[in-house]
Amino acid sequence: LLLLDLALLAGASRNTIATLVGLDVAMILTGLIGALATEGAAFRIAWWGISTGFFVVLLYFLVGTLTQNAAQKSGDVASLFGTLRNLIIVLWSAYPIVWIIGTEGTIELIGLGPETAAFMVLDL
């Protein structure tokens, strides 16, 4: 819903909105496969990489296409879009990092408690 709201604020086309939503769904589903996988670390990391790849493409659309669309709107709308876009980029960029360094990934630099707390804060 955040991407849909941001795309509507920027005045994105239906195709752009569909692309963003599709990328978001693909990112979430591939991340879920990685989180639920029991086949071993390499399999989990591969799905994490695929999910992160979808995320990078999604960022490309946020920074490129949507930013260009928002720049054509009024100054207030463009400013609000920029603030919300940057907030989403910063917060969403933390998800794959927490995943890979937590118990879901293979590095396990942080335990289950701090990992859960980090995801809880990021979800706010």
PDB file of N, CA and C in Angstrom:
ATOM      1  N   LEU A   1       0.807  -1.200   0.000  1.00  0.00           N
ATOM      2  CA  LEU A   1       0.000   0.000   0.000  1.00  0.00           C
ATOM      3  C   LEU A   1       0.853   1.268   0.000  1.00  0.00           C
ATOM      4  N   LEU A   2       2.015   1.196   0.645  1.00  0.00           N
ATOM      5  CA  LEU A   2       2.890   2.374   0.652  1.00  0.00           C
ATOM      6  C   LEU A   2       3.325   2.741  -0.762  1.00  0.00           C
ATOM      7  N   LEU A   3       3.690   1.730  -1.534  1.00  0.00           N
ATOM      8  CA  LEU A   3       4.120   2.001  -2.909  1.00  0.00           C
ATOM      9  C   LEU A   3       2.969   2.530  -3.752  1.00  0.00           C
ATOM     10  N   LEU A   4       1.796   1.983  -3.550  1.00  0.00           N
ATOM     11  CA  LEU A   4       0.626   2.458  -4.284  1.00  0.00           C
ATOM     12  C   LEU A   4       0.352   3.918  -3.947  1.00  0.00           C
ATOM     13  N   ASP A   5       0.375   4.251  -2.663  1.00  0.00           N
ATOM     14  CA  ASP A   5       0.157   5.642  -2.252  1.00  0.00           C
ATOM     15  C   ASP A   5       1.215   6.569  -2.840  1.00  0.00           C
ATOM     16  N   LEU A   6       2.469   6.134  -2.790  1.00  0.00           N
ATOM     17  CA  LEU A   6       3.556   6.955  -3.317  1.00  0.00           C
ATOM     18  C   LEU A   6       3.415   7.135  -4.832  1.00  0.00           C
ATOM     19  N   ALA A   7       3.046   6.063  -5.519  1.00  0.00           N
ATOM     20  CA  ALA A   7       2.869   6.138  -6.972  1.00  0.00           C
ATOM     21  C   ALA A   7       1.703   7.049  -7.340  1.00  0.00           C
ATOM     22  N   LEU A   8       0.617   6.965  -6.588  1.00  0.00           N
ATOM     23  CA  LEU A   8      -0.530   7.839  -6.857  1.00  0.00           C
ATOM     24  C   LEU A   8      -0.177   9.296  -6.576  1.00  0.00           C
ATOM     25  N   LEU A   9       0.587   9.537  -5.524  1.00  0.00           N
ATOM     26  CA  LEU A   9       1.029  10.898  -5.212  1.00  0.00           C
ATOM     27  C   LEU A   9       1.862  11.469  -6.359  1.00  0.00           C
ATOM     28  N   ALA A  10       2.715  10.624  -6.939  1.00  0.00           N
ATOM     29  CA  ALA A  10       3.583  11.075  -8.034  1.00  0.00           C
ATOM     30  C   ALA A  10       2.843  11.161  -9.363  1.00  0.00           C
ATOM     31  N   GLY A  11       1.631  10.633  -9.425  1.00  0.00           N
ATOM     32  CA  GLY A  11       0.884  10.653 -10.680  1.00  0.00           C
ATOM     33  C   GLY A  11       1.373   9.619 -11.669  1.00  0.00           C
ATOM     34  N   ALA A  12       1.791   8.462 -11.169  1.00  0.00           N
ATOM     35  CA  ALA A  12       2.329   7.407 -12.027  1.00  0.00           C
ATOM     36  C   ALA A  12       1.231   6.775 -12.878  1.00  0.00           C
ATOM     37  N   SER A  13       1.653   6.220 -13.995  1.00  0.00           N
ATOM     38  CA  SER A  13       0.719   5.526 -14.888  1.00  0.00           C
ATOM     39  C   SER A  13       0.329   4.173 -14.287  1.00  0.00           C
ATOM     40  N   ARG A  14      -0.724   3.592 -14.840  1.00  0.00           N
ATOM     41  CA  ARG A  14      -1.155   2.267 -14.376  1.00  0.00           C
ATOM     42  C   ARG A  14      -0.069   1.228 -14.589  1.00  0.00           C
ATOM     43  N   ASN A  15       0.649   1.326 -15.699  1.00  0.00           N
ATOM     44  CA  ASN A  15       1.725   0.370 -15.971  1.00  0.00           C
ATOM     45  C   ASN A  15       2.829   0.472 -14.927  1.00  0.00           C
ATOM     46  N   THR A  16       3.190   1.691 -14.557  1.00  0.00           N
ATOM     47  CA  THR A  16       4.223   1.885 -13.542  1.00  0.00           C
ATOM     48  C   THR A  16       3.752   1.351 -12.200  1.00  0.00           C
ATOM     49  N   ILE A  17       2.505   1.623 -11.855  1.00  0.00           N
ATOM     50  CA  ILE A  17       1.955   1.130 -10.591  1.00  0.00           C
ATOM     51  C   ILE A  17       1.938  -0.395 -10.581  1.00  0.00           C
ATOM     52  N   ALA A  18       1.503  -0.997 -11.683  1.00  0.00           N
ATOM     53  CA  ALA A  18       1.476  -2.461 -11.770  1.00  0.00           C
ATOM     54  C   ALA A  18       2.882  -3.041 -11.652  1.00  0.00           C
ATOM     55  N   THR A  19       3.855  -2.389 -12.271  1.00  0.00           N
ATOM     56  CA  THR A  19       5.239  -2.843 -12.181  1.00  0.00           C
ATOM     57  C   THR A  19       5.737  -2.772 -10.745  1.00  0.00           C
ATOM     58  N   LEU A  20       5.480  -1.654 -10.074  1.00  0.00           N
ATOM     59  CA  LEU A  20       5.906  -1.500  -8.679  1.00  0.00           C
ATOM     60  C   LEU A  20       5.272  -2.548  -7.775  1.00  0.00           C
ATOM     61  N   VAL A  21       3.976  -2.742  -7.918  1.00  0.00           N
ATOM     62  CA  VAL A  21       3.277  -3.725  -7.084  1.00  0.00           C
ATOM     63  C   VAL A  21       3.789  -5.134  -7.394  1.00  0.00           C
ATOM     64  N   GLY A  22       4.008  -5.433  -8.666  1.00  0.00           N
ATOM     65  CA  GLY A  22       4.550  -6.736  -9.045  1.00  0.00           C
ATOM     66  C   GLY A  22       5.932  -6.977  -8.466  1.00  0.00           C
ATOM     67  N   LEU A  23       6.788  -5.963  -8.536  1.00  0.00           N
ATOM     68  CA  LEU A  23       8.123  -6.085  -7.951  1.00  0.00           C
ATOM     69  C   LEU A  23       8.051  -6.285  -6.445  1.00  0.00           C
ATOM     70  N   ASP A  24       7.151  -5.558  -5.799  1.00  0.00           N
ATOM     71  CA  ASP A  24       6.994  -5.673  -4.352  1.00  0.00           C
ATOM     72  C   ASP A  24       6.525  -7.074  -3.966  1.00  0.00           C
ATOM     73  N   VAL A  25       5.540  -7.591  -4.678  1.00  0.00           N
ATOM     74  CA  VAL A  25       5.039  -8.941  -4.401  1.00  0.00           C
ATOM     75  C   VAL A  25       6.142  -9.971  -4.635  1.00  0.00           C
ATOM     76  N   ALA A  26       6.879  -9.841  -5.732  1.00  0.00           N
ATOM     77  CA  ALA A  26       7.973 -10.768  -6.029  1.00  0.00           C
ATOM     78  C   ALA A  26       9.050 -10.697  -4.954  1.00  0.00           C
ATOM     79  N   MET A  27       9.377  -9.490  -4.497  1.00  0.00           N
ATOM     80  CA  MET A  27      10.380  -9.313  -3.448  1.00  0.00           C
ATOM     81  C   MET A  27       9.932 -10.011  -2.163  1.00  0.00           C
ATOM     82  N   ILE A  28       8.686  -9.808  -1.786  1.00  0.00           N
ATOM     83  CA  ILE A  28       8.171 -10.398  -0.549  1.00  0.00           C
ATOM     84  C   ILE A  28       8.099 -11.923  -0.658  1.00  0.00           C
ATOM     85  N   LEU A  29       7.585 -12.434  -1.762  1.00  0.00           N
ATOM     86  CA  LEU A  29       7.445 -13.885  -1.911  1.00  0.00           C
ATOM     87  C   LEU A  29       8.791 -14.596  -1.951  1.00  0.00           C
ATOM     88  N   THR A  30       9.757 -14.027  -2.666  1.00  0.00           N
ATOM     89  CA  THR A  30      11.074 -14.672  -2.711  1.00  0.00           C
ATOM     90  C   THR A  30      11.777 -14.571  -1.358  1.00  0.00           C
ATOM     91  N   GLY A  31      11.548 -13.485  -0.633  1.00  0.00           N
ATOM     92  CA  GLY A  31      12.081 -13.385   0.728  1.00  0.00           C
ATOM     93  C   GLY A  31      11.442 -14.408   1.649  1.00  0.00           C
ATOM     94  N   LEU A  32      10.151 -14.631   1.479  1.00  0.00           N
ATOM     95  CA  LEU A  32       9.441 -15.630   2.277  1.00  0.00           C
ATOM     96  C   LEU A  32       9.967 -17.032   1.988  1.00  0.00           C
ATOM     97  N   ILE A  33      10.200 -17.333   0.716  1.00  0.00           N
ATOM     98  CA  ILE A  33      10.763 -18.639   0.362  1.00  0.00           C
ATOM     99  C   ILE A  33      12.110 -18.823   1.052  1.00  0.00           C
ATOM    100  N   GLY A  34      12.938 -17.787   1.028  1.00  0.00           N
ATOM    101  CA  GLY A  34      14.231 -17.867   1.692  1.00  0.00           C
ATOM    102  C   GLY A  34      14.109 -18.054   3.191  1.00  0.00           C
ATOM    103  N   ALA A  35      13.136 -17.395   3.798  1.00  0.00           N
ATOM    104  CA  ALA A  35      12.950 -17.501   5.248  1.00  0.00           C
ATOM    105  C   ALA A  35      12.424 -18.873   5.652  1.00  0.00           C
ATOM    106  N   LEU A  36      11.606 -19.473   4.810  1.00  0.00           N
ATOM    107  CA  LEU A  36      10.993 -20.760   5.150  1.00  0.00           C
ATOM    108  C   LEU A  36      11.799 -21.959   4.657  1.00  0.00           C
ATOM    109  N   ALA A  37      12.823 -21.717   3.870  1.00  0.00           N
ATOM    110  CA  ALA A  37      13.599 -22.806   3.276  1.00  0.00           C
ATOM    111  C   ALA A  37      14.330 -23.612   4.345  1.00  0.00           C
ATOM    112  N   THR A  38      14.351 -24.914   4.144  1.00  0.00           N
ATOM    113  CA  THR A  38      15.075 -25.808   5.056  1.00  0.00           C
ATOM    114  C   THR A  38      16.177 -26.567   4.323  1.00  0.00           C
ATOM    115  N   GLU A  39      16.414 -26.219   3.064  1.00  0.00           N
ATOM    116  CA  GLU A  39      17.369 -26.953   2.238  1.00  0.00           C
ATOM    117  C   GLU A  39      18.827 -26.625   2.526  1.00  0.00           C
ATOM    118  N   GLY A  40      19.107 -25.631   3.330  1.00  0.00           N
ATOM    119  CA  GLY A  40      20.482 -25.285   3.642  1.00  0.00           C
ATOM    120  C   GLY A  40      20.768 -23.815   3.409  1.00  0.00           C
ATOM    121  N   ALA A  41      21.937 -23.409   3.876  1.00  0.00           N
ATOM    122  CA  ALA A  41      22.318 -21.996   3.851  1.00  0.00           C
ATOM    123  C   ALA A  41      22.423 -21.444   2.430  1.00  0.00           C
ATOM    124  N   ALA A  42      23.010 -22.196   1.524  1.00  0.00           N
ATOM    125  CA  ALA A  42      23.195 -21.696   0.158  1.00  0.00           C
ATOM    126  C   ALA A  42      21.848 -21.418  -0.508  1.00  0.00           C
ATOM    127  N   PHE A  43      20.881 -22.285  -0.280  1.00  0.00           N
ATOM    128  CA  PHE A  43      19.542 -22.112  -0.844  1.00  0.00           C
ATOM    129  C   PHE A  43      18.894 -20.859  -0.274  1.00  0.00           C
ATOM    130  N   ARG A  44      19.020 -20.659   1.033  1.00  0.00           N
ATOM    131  CA  ARG A  44      18.436 -19.487   1.691  1.00  0.00           C
ATOM    132  C   ARG A  44      19.084 -18.200   1.185  1.00  0.00           C
ATOM    133  N   ILE A  45      20.395 -18.213   1.064  1.00  0.00           N
ATOM    134  CA  ILE A  45      21.120 -17.028   0.594  1.00  0.00           C
ATOM    135  C   ILE A  45      20.764 -16.728  -0.859  1.00  0.00           C
ATOM    136  N   ALA A  46      20.579 -17.764  -1.660  1.00  0.00           N
ATOM    137  CA  ALA A  46      20.192 -17.551  -3.062  1.00  0.00           C
ATOM    138  C   ALA A  46      18.843 -16.837  -3.132  1.00  0.00           C
ATOM    139  N   TRP A  47      17.880 -17.277  -2.338  1.00  0.00           N
ATOM    140  CA  TRP A  47      16.567 -16.625  -2.344  1.00  0.00           C
ATOM    141  C   TRP A  47      16.646 -15.219  -1.773  1.00  0.00           C
ATOM    142  N   TRP A  48      17.508 -15.017  -0.785  1.00  0.00           N
ATOM    143  CA  TRP A  48      17.733 -13.660  -0.257  1.00  0.00           C
ATOM    144  C   TRP A  48      18.269 -12.765  -1.373  1.00  0.00           C
ATOM    145  N   GLY A  49      19.219 -13.287  -2.153  1.00  0.00           N
ATOM    146  CA  GLY A  49      19.791 -12.521  -3.260  1.00  0.00           C
ATOM    147  C   GLY A  49      18.759 -12.184  -4.324  1.00  0.00           C
ATOM    148  N   ILE A  50      17.896 -13.135  -4.646  1.00  0.00           N
ATOM    149  CA  ILE A  50      16.841 -12.883  -5.631  1.00  0.00           C
ATOM    150  C   ILE A  50      15.888 -11.810  -5.112  1.00  0.00           C
ATOM    151  N   SER A  51      15.495 -11.937  -3.851  1.00  0.00           N
ATOM    152  CA  SER A  51      14.603 -10.945  -3.242  1.00  0.00           C
ATOM    153  C   SER A  51      15.250  -9.563  -3.238  1.00  0.00           C
ATOM    154  N   THR A  52      16.520  -9.513  -2.883  1.00  0.00           N
ATOM    155  CA  THR A  52      17.243  -8.242  -2.861  1.00  0.00           C
ATOM    156  C   THR A  52      17.366  -7.669  -4.273  1.00  0.00           C
ATOM    157  N   GLY A  53      17.497  -8.532  -5.265  1.00  0.00           N
ATOM    158  CA  GLY A  53      17.525  -8.079  -6.655  1.00  0.00           C
ATOM    159  C   GLY A  53      16.226  -7.390  -7.052  1.00  0.00           C
ATOM    160  N   PHE A  54      15.097  -7.984  -6.672  1.00  0.00           N
ATOM    161  CA  PHE A  54      13.805  -7.330  -6.925  1.00  0.00           C
ATOM    162  C   PHE A  54      13.744  -5.980  -6.211  1.00  0.00           C
ATOM    163  N   PHE A  55      14.293  -5.926  -5.008  1.00  0.00           N
ATOM    164  CA  PHE A  55      14.307  -4.685  -4.243  1.00  0.00           C
ATOM    165  C   PHE A  55      15.122  -3.610  -4.959  1.00  0.00           C
ATOM    166  N   VAL A  56      16.265  -3.969  -5.500  1.00  0.00           N
ATOM    167  CA  VAL A  56      17.113  -3.005  -6.208  1.00  0.00           C
ATOM    168  C   VAL A  56      16.384  -2.452  -7.435  1.00  0.00           C
ATOM    169  N   VAL A  57      15.693  -3.306  -8.167  1.00  0.00           N
ATOM    170  CA  VAL A  57      14.927  -2.837  -9.330  1.00  0.00           C
ATOM    171  C   VAL A  57      13.793  -1.921  -8.872  1.00  0.00           C
ATOM    172  N   LEU A  58      13.150  -2.272  -7.766  1.00  0.00           N
ATOM    173  CA  LEU A  58      12.100  -1.430  -7.208  1.00  0.00           C
ATOM    174  C   LEU A  58      12.659  -0.053  -6.838  1.00  0.00           C
ATOM    175  N   LEU A  59      13.852  -0.030  -6.240  1.00  0.00           N
ATOM    176  CA  LEU A  59      14.498   1.247  -5.912  1.00  0.00           C
ATOM    177  C   LEU A  59      14.766   2.066  -7.166  1.00  0.00           C
ATOM    178  N   TYR A  60      15.157   1.397  -8.240  1.00  0.00           N
ATOM    179  CA  TYR A  60      15.396   2.082  -9.509  1.00  0.00           C
ATOM    180  C   TYR A  60      14.135   2.824  -9.954  1.00  0.00           C
ATOM    181  N   PHE A  61      12.983   2.172  -9.849  1.00  0.00           N
ATOM    182  CA  PHE A  61      11.725   2.818 -10.222  1.00  0.00           C
ATOM    183  C   PHE A  61      11.389   3.966  -9.280  1.00  0.00           C
ATOM    184  N   LEU A  62      11.640   3.776  -7.988  1.00  0.00           N
ATOM    185  CA  LEU A  62      11.358   4.851  -7.027  1.00  0.00           C
ATOM    186  C   LEU A  62      12.202   6.084  -7.307  1.00  0.00           C
ATOM    187  N   VAL A  63      13.496   5.863  -7.507  1.00  0.00           N
ATOM    188  CA  VAL A  63      14.418   6.984  -7.690  1.00  0.00           C
ATOM    189  C   VAL A  63      14.325   7.554  -9.102  1.00  0.00           C
ATOM    190  N   GLY A  64      14.025   6.720 -10.071  1.00  0.00           N
ATOM    191  CA  GLY A  64      13.966   7.179 -11.455  1.00  0.00           C
ATOM    192  C   GLY A  64      12.588   7.626 -11.888  1.00  0.00           C
ATOM    193  N   THR A  65      11.776   6.677 -12.266  1.00  0.00           N
ATOM    194  CA  THR A  65      10.473   6.959 -12.875  1.00  0.00           C
ATOM    195  C   THR A  65       9.559   7.778 -11.975  1.00  0.00           C
ATOM    196  N   LEU A  66       9.379   7.336 -10.730  1.00  0.00           N
ATOM    197  CA  LEU A  66       8.455   8.059  -9.849  1.00  0.00           C
ATOM    198  C   LEU A  66       8.963   9.451  -9.506  1.00  0.00           C
ATOM    199  N   THR A  67      10.262   9.594  -9.336  1.00  0.00           N
ATOM    200  CA  THR A  67      10.814  10.913  -9.032  1.00  0.00           C
ATOM    201  C   THR A  67      10.599  11.866 -10.204  1.00  0.00           C
ATOM    202  N   GLN A  68      10.755  11.370 -11.431  1.00  0.00           N
ATOM    203  CA  GLN A  68      10.493  12.201 -12.611  1.00  0.00           C
ATOM    204  C   GLN A  68       9.026  12.607 -12.674  1.00  0.00           C
ATOM    205  N   ASN A  69       8.143  11.671 -12.358  1.00  0.00           N
ATOM    206  CA  ASN A  69       6.709  11.989 -12.350  1.00  0.00           C
ATOM    207  C   ASN A  69       6.396  13.036 -11.292  1.00  0.00           C
ATOM    208  N   ALA A  70       6.946  12.868 -10.105  1.00  0.00           N
ATOM    209  CA  ALA A  70       6.666  13.798  -9.001  1.00  0.00           C
ATOM    210  C   ALA A  70       7.225  15.185  -9.285  1.00  0.00           C
ATOM    211  N   ALA A  71       8.331  15.259 -10.024  1.00  0.00           N
ATOM    212  CA  ALA A  71       8.936  16.554 -10.342  1.00  0.00           C
ATOM    213  C   ALA A  71       8.016  17.407 -11.209  1.00  0.00           C
ATOM    214  N   GLN A  72       7.083  16.782 -11.889  1.00  0.00           N
ATOM    215  CA  GLN A  72       6.140  17.512 -12.740  1.00  0.00           C
ATOM    216  C   GLN A  72       4.941  18.032 -11.954  1.00  0.00           C
ATOM    217  N   LYS A  73       4.859  17.660 -10.684  1.00  0.00           N
ATOM    218  CA  LYS A  73       3.756  18.114  -9.828  1.00  0.00           C
ATOM    219  C   LYS A  73       4.150  19.425  -9.151  1.00  0.00           C
ATOM    220  N   SER A  74       3.267  19.947  -8.321  1.00  0.00           N
ATOM    221  CA  SER A  74       3.558  21.194  -7.606  1.00  0.00           C
ATOM    222  C   SER A  74       4.745  20.998  -6.662  1.00  0.00           C
ATOM    223  N   GLY A  75       5.321  22.101  -6.225  1.00  0.00           N
ATOM    224  CA  GLY A  75       6.472  22.042  -5.335  1.00  0.00           C
ATOM    225  C   GLY A  75       6.185  21.306  -4.042  1.00  0.00           C
ATOM    226  N   ASP A  76       4.993  21.513  -3.476  1.00  0.00           N
ATOM    227  CA  ASP A  76       4.625  20.837  -2.232  1.00  0.00           C
ATOM    228  C   ASP A  76       4.513  19.329  -2.429  1.00  0.00           C
ATOM    229  N   VAL A  77       3.901  18.931  -3.522  1.00  0.00           N
ATOM    230  CA  VAL A  77       3.747  17.501  -3.808  1.00  0.00           C
ATOM    231  C   VAL A  77       5.110  16.867  -4.051  1.00  0.00           C
ATOM    232  N   ALA A  78       5.949  17.523  -4.830  1.00  0.00           N
ATOM    233  CA  ALA A  78       7.286  16.995  -5.107  1.00  0.00           C
ATOM    234  C   ALA A  78       8.104  16.881  -3.828  1.00  0.00           C
ATOM    235  N   SER A  79       7.980  17.864  -2.951  1.00  0.00           N
ATOM    236  CA  SER A  79       8.707  17.834  -1.682  1.00  0.00           C
ATOM    237  C   SER A  79       8.214  16.704  -0.786  1.00  0.00           C
ATOM    238  N   LEU A  80       6.900  16.559  -0.678  1.00  0.00           N
ATOM    239  CA  LEU A  80       6.321  15.480   0.124  1.00  0.00           C
ATOM    240  C   LEU A  80       6.722  14.125  -0.440  1.00  0.00           C
ATOM    241  N   PHE A  81       6.660  13.999  -1.760  1.00  0.00           N
ATOM    242  CA  PHE A  81       7.067  12.754  -2.400  1.00  0.00           C
ATOM    243  C   PHE A  81       8.517  12.430  -2.051  1.00  0.00           C
ATOM    244  N   GLY A  82       9.410  13.418  -2.169  1.00  0.00           N
ATOM    245  CA  GLY A  82      10.825  13.191  -1.878  1.00  0.00           C
ATOM    246  C   GLY A  82      11.052  12.738  -0.446  1.00  0.00           C
ATOM    247  N   THR A  83      10.356  13.354   0.483  1.00  0.00           N
ATOM    248  CA  THR A  83      10.497  12.973   1.891  1.00  0.00           C
ATOM    249  C   THR A  83      10.025  11.540   2.119  1.00  0.00           C
ATOM    250  N   LEU A  84       8.841  11.214   1.607  1.00  0.00           N
ATOM    251  CA  LEU A  84       8.298   9.866   1.789  1.00  0.00           C
ATOM    252  C   LEU A  84       9.140   8.818   1.067  1.00  0.00           C
ATOM    253  N   ARG A  85       9.595   9.146  -0.137  1.00  0.00           N
ATOM    254  CA  ARG A  85      10.454   8.227  -0.895  1.00  0.00           C
ATOM    255  C   ARG A  85      11.725   7.921  -0.122  1.00  0.00           C
ATOM    256  N   ASN A  86      12.367   8.963   0.402  1.00  0.00           N
ATOM    257  CA  ASN A  86      13.614   8.762   1.131  1.00  0.00           C
ATOM    258  C   ASN A  86      13.402   7.949   2.403  1.00  0.00           C
ATOM    259  N   LEU A  87      12.296   8.185   3.083  1.00  0.00           N
ATOM    260  CA  LEU A  87      11.975   7.425   4.287  1.00  0.00           C
ATOM    261  C   LEU A  87      11.789   5.945   3.954  1.00  0.00           C
ATOM    262  N   ILE A  88      11.066   5.666   2.890  1.00  0.00           N
ATOM    263  CA  ILE A  88      10.865   4.280   2.468  1.00  0.00           C
ATOM    264  C   ILE A  88      12.191   3.635   2.080  1.00  0.00           C
ATOM    265  N   ILE A  89      13.022   4.343   1.345  1.00  0.00           N
ATOM    266  CA  ILE A  89      14.309   3.785   0.918  1.00  0.00           C
ATOM    267  C   ILE A  89      15.169   3.429   2.124  1.00  0.00           C
ATOM    268  N   VAL A  90      15.273   4.332   3.080  1.00  0.00           N
ATOM    269  CA  VAL A  90      16.119   4.083   4.257  1.00  0.00           C
ATOM    270  C   VAL A  90      15.584   2.908   5.073  1.00  0.00           C
ATOM    271  N   LEU A  91      14.286   2.932   5.375  1.00  0.00           N
ATOM    272  CA  LEU A  91      13.718   1.873   6.209  1.00  0.00           C
ATOM    273  C   LEU A  91      13.724   0.527   5.494  1.00  0.00           C
ATOM    274  N   TRP A  92      13.327   0.506   4.241  1.00  0.00           N
ATOM    275  CA  TRP A  92      13.275  -0.764   3.522  1.00  0.00           C
ATOM    276  C   TRP A  92      14.666  -1.325   3.244  1.00  0.00           C
ATOM    277  N   SER A  93      15.676  -0.475   3.140  1.00  0.00           N
ATOM    278  CA  SER A  93      17.041  -0.963   2.923  1.00  0.00           C
ATOM    279  C   SER A  93      17.558  -1.728   4.131  1.00  0.00           C
ATOM    280  N   ALA A  94      17.004  -1.457   5.289  1.00  0.00           N
ATOM    281  CA  ALA A  94      17.441  -2.155   6.500  1.00  0.00           C
ATOM    282  C   ALA A  94      16.929  -3.594   6.550  1.00  0.00           C
ATOM    283  N   TYR A  95      15.816  -3.889   5.909  1.00  0.00           N
ATOM    284  CA  TYR A  95      15.242  -5.239   5.963  1.00  0.00           C
ATOM    285  C   TYR A  95      16.210  -6.326   5.491  1.00  0.00           C
ATOM    286  N   PRO A  96      16.773  -6.229   4.281  1.00  0.00           N
ATOM    287  CA  PRO A  96      17.678  -7.305   3.860  1.00  0.00           C
ATOM    288  C   PRO A  96      18.943  -7.380   4.709  1.00  0.00           C
ATOM    289  N   ILE A  97      19.357  -6.248   5.266  1.00  0.00           N
ATOM    290  CA  ILE A  97      20.542  -6.252   6.127  1.00  0.00           C
ATOM    291  C   ILE A  97      20.245  -6.996   7.420  1.00  0.00           C
ATOM    292  N   VAL A  98      19.121  -6.672   8.062  1.00  0.00           N
ATOM    293  CA  VAL A  98      18.738  -7.364   9.297  1.00  0.00           C
ATOM    294  C   VAL A  98      18.532  -8.850   9.017  1.00  0.00           C
ATOM    295  N   TRP A  99      17.925  -9.171   7.884  1.00  0.00           N
ATOM    296  CA  TRP A  99      17.673 -10.575   7.552  1.00  0.00           C
ATOM    297  C   TRP A  99      18.980 -11.354   7.441  1.00  0.00           C
ATOM    298  N   ILE A 100      19.950 -10.799   6.716  1.00  0.00           N
ATOM    299  CA  ILE A 100      21.184 -11.552   6.462  1.00  0.00           C
ATOM    300  C   ILE A 100      22.064 -11.651   7.709  1.00  0.00           C
ATOM    301  N   ILE A 101      22.031 -10.639   8.595  1.00  0.00           N
ATOM    302  CA  ILE A 101      22.875 -10.709   9.797  1.00  0.00           C
ATOM    303  C   ILE A 101      22.157 -11.352  10.983  1.00  0.00           C
ATOM    304  N   GLY A 102      20.873 -11.635  10.817  1.00  0.00           N
ATOM    305  CA  GLY A 102      20.096 -12.235  11.899  1.00  0.00           C
ATOM    306  C   GLY A 102      20.029 -13.747  11.797  1.00  0.00           C
ATOM    307  N   THR A 103      19.108 -14.319  12.529  1.00  0.00           N
ATOM    308  CA  THR A 103      18.964 -15.773  12.561  1.00  0.00           C
ATOM    309  C   THR A 103      18.377 -16.326  11.265  1.00  0.00           C
ATOM    310  N   GLU A 104      17.686 -15.493  10.493  1.00  0.00           N
ATOM    311  CA  GLU A 104      17.137 -15.943   9.213  1.00  0.00           C
ATOM    312  C   GLU A 104      18.251 -16.191   8.199  1.00  0.00           C
ATOM    313  N   GLY A 105      19.245 -15.321   8.210  1.00  0.00           N
ATOM    314  CA  GLY A 105      20.380 -15.483   7.309  1.00  0.00           C
ATOM    315  C   GLY A 105      21.381 -16.446   7.913  1.00  0.00           C
ATOM    316  N   THR A 106      22.566 -16.463   7.393  1.00  0.00           N
ATOM    317  CA  THR A 106      23.559 -17.419   7.887  1.00  0.00           C
ATOM    318  C   THR A 106      24.649 -16.767   8.717  1.00  0.00           C
ATOM    319  N   ILE A 107      24.702 -15.456   8.751  1.00  0.00           N
ATOM    320  CA  ILE A 107      25.771 -14.775   9.479  1.00  0.00           C
ATOM    321  C   ILE A 107      25.524 -14.817  10.980  1.00  0.00           C
ATOM    322  N   GLU A 108      24.291 -14.633  11.399  1.00  0.00           N
ATOM    323  CA  GLU A 108      23.856 -14.677  12.796  1.00  0.00           C
ATOM    324  C   GLU A 108      24.701 -13.789  13.712  1.00  0.00           C
ATOM    325  N   LEU A 109      24.889 -12.540  13.299  1.00  0.00           N
ATOM    326  CA  LEU A 109      25.581 -11.569  14.148  1.00  0.00           C
ATOM    327  C   LEU A 109      24.693 -11.078  15.279  1.00  0.00           C
ATOM    328  N   ILE A 110      23.392 -11.152  15.072  1.00  0.00           N
ATOM    329  CA  ILE A 110      22.455 -10.751  16.117  1.00  0.00           C
ATOM    330  C   ILE A 110      21.524 -11.924  16.415  1.00  0.00           C
ATOM    331  N   GLY A 111      21.091 -12.012  17.658  1.00  0.00           N
ATOM    332  CA  GLY A 111      20.220 -13.099  18.076  1.00  0.00           C
ATOM    333  C   GLY A 111      18.777 -12.864  17.674  1.00  0.00           C
ATOM    334  N   LEU A 112      17.940 -13.824  18.048  1.00  0.00           N
ATOM    335  CA  LEU A 112      16.534 -13.774  17.673  1.00  0.00           C
ATOM    336  C   LEU A 112      15.813 -12.583  18.294  1.00  0.00           C
ATOM    337  N   GLY A 113      16.109 -12.273  19.550  1.00  0.00           N
ATOM    338  CA  GLY A 113      15.454 -11.146  20.220  1.00  0.00           C
ATOM    339  C   GLY A 113      15.727  -9.812  19.533  1.00  0.00           C
ATOM    340  N   PRO A 114      17.011  -9.452  19.353  1.00  0.00           N
ATOM    341  CA  PRO A 114      17.305  -8.193  18.656  1.00  0.00           C
ATOM    342  C   PRO A 114      16.812  -8.173  17.208  1.00  0.00           C
ATOM    343  N   GLU A 115      16.856  -9.321  16.547  1.00  0.00           N
ATOM    344  CA  GLU A 115      16.356  -9.389  15.169  1.00  0.00           C
ATOM    345  C   GLU A 115      14.853  -9.110  15.137  1.00  0.00           C
ATOM    346  N   THR A 116      14.117  -9.742  16.035  1.00  0.00           N
ATOM    347  CA  THR A 116      12.673  -9.526  16.110  1.00  0.00           C
ATOM    348  C   THR A 116      12.360  -8.077  16.444  1.00  0.00           C
ATOM    349  N   ALA A 117      13.119  -7.506  17.381  1.00  0.00           N
ATOM    350  CA  ALA A 117      12.917  -6.097  17.748  1.00  0.00           C
ATOM    351  C   ALA A 117      13.198  -5.180  16.559  1.00  0.00           C
ATOM    352  N   ALA A 118      14.248  -5.485  15.800  1.00  0.00           N
ATOM    353  CA  ALA A 118      14.581  -4.662  14.632  1.00  0.00           C
ATOM    354  C   ALA A 118      13.462  -4.715  13.595  1.00  0.00           C
ATOM    355  N   PHE A 119      12.955  -5.915  13.311  1.00  0.00           N
ATOM    356  CA  PHE A 119      11.850  -6.026  12.354  1.00  0.00           C
ATOM    357  C   PHE A 119      10.600  -5.326  12.874  1.00  0.00           C
ATOM    358  N   MET A 120      10.374  -5.405  14.179  1.00  0.00           N
ATOM    359  CA  MET A 120       9.207  -4.746  14.762  1.00  0.00           C
ATOM    360  C   MET A 120       9.291  -3.231  14.570  1.00  0.00           C
ATOM    361  N   VAL A 121      10.465  -2.662  14.826  1.00  0.00           N
ATOM    362  CA  VAL A 121      10.651  -1.218  14.656  1.00  0.00           C
ATOM    363  C   VAL A 121      10.532  -0.839  13.180  1.00  0.00           C
ATOM    364  N   LEU A 122      11.119  -1.629  12.301  1.00  0.00           N
ATOM    365  CA  LEU A 122      11.049  -1.337  10.865  1.00  0.00           C
ATOM    366  C   LEU A 122       9.620  -1.414  10.344  1.00  0.00           C
ATOM    367  N   ASP A 123       8.807  -2.267  10.938  1.00  0.00           N
ATOM    368  CA  ASP A 123       7.415  -2.405  10.500  1.00  0.00           C
ATOM    369  C   ASP A 123       6.538  -1.245  10.939  1.00  0.00           C
ATOM    370  N   LEU A 124       7.006  -0.461  11.897  1.00  0.00           N
ATOM    371  CA  LEU A 124       6.202   0.678  12.333  1.00  0.00           C
ATOM    372  C   LEU A 124       6.164   1.705  11.239  1.00  0.00           C
TER     373      LEU A 124
END
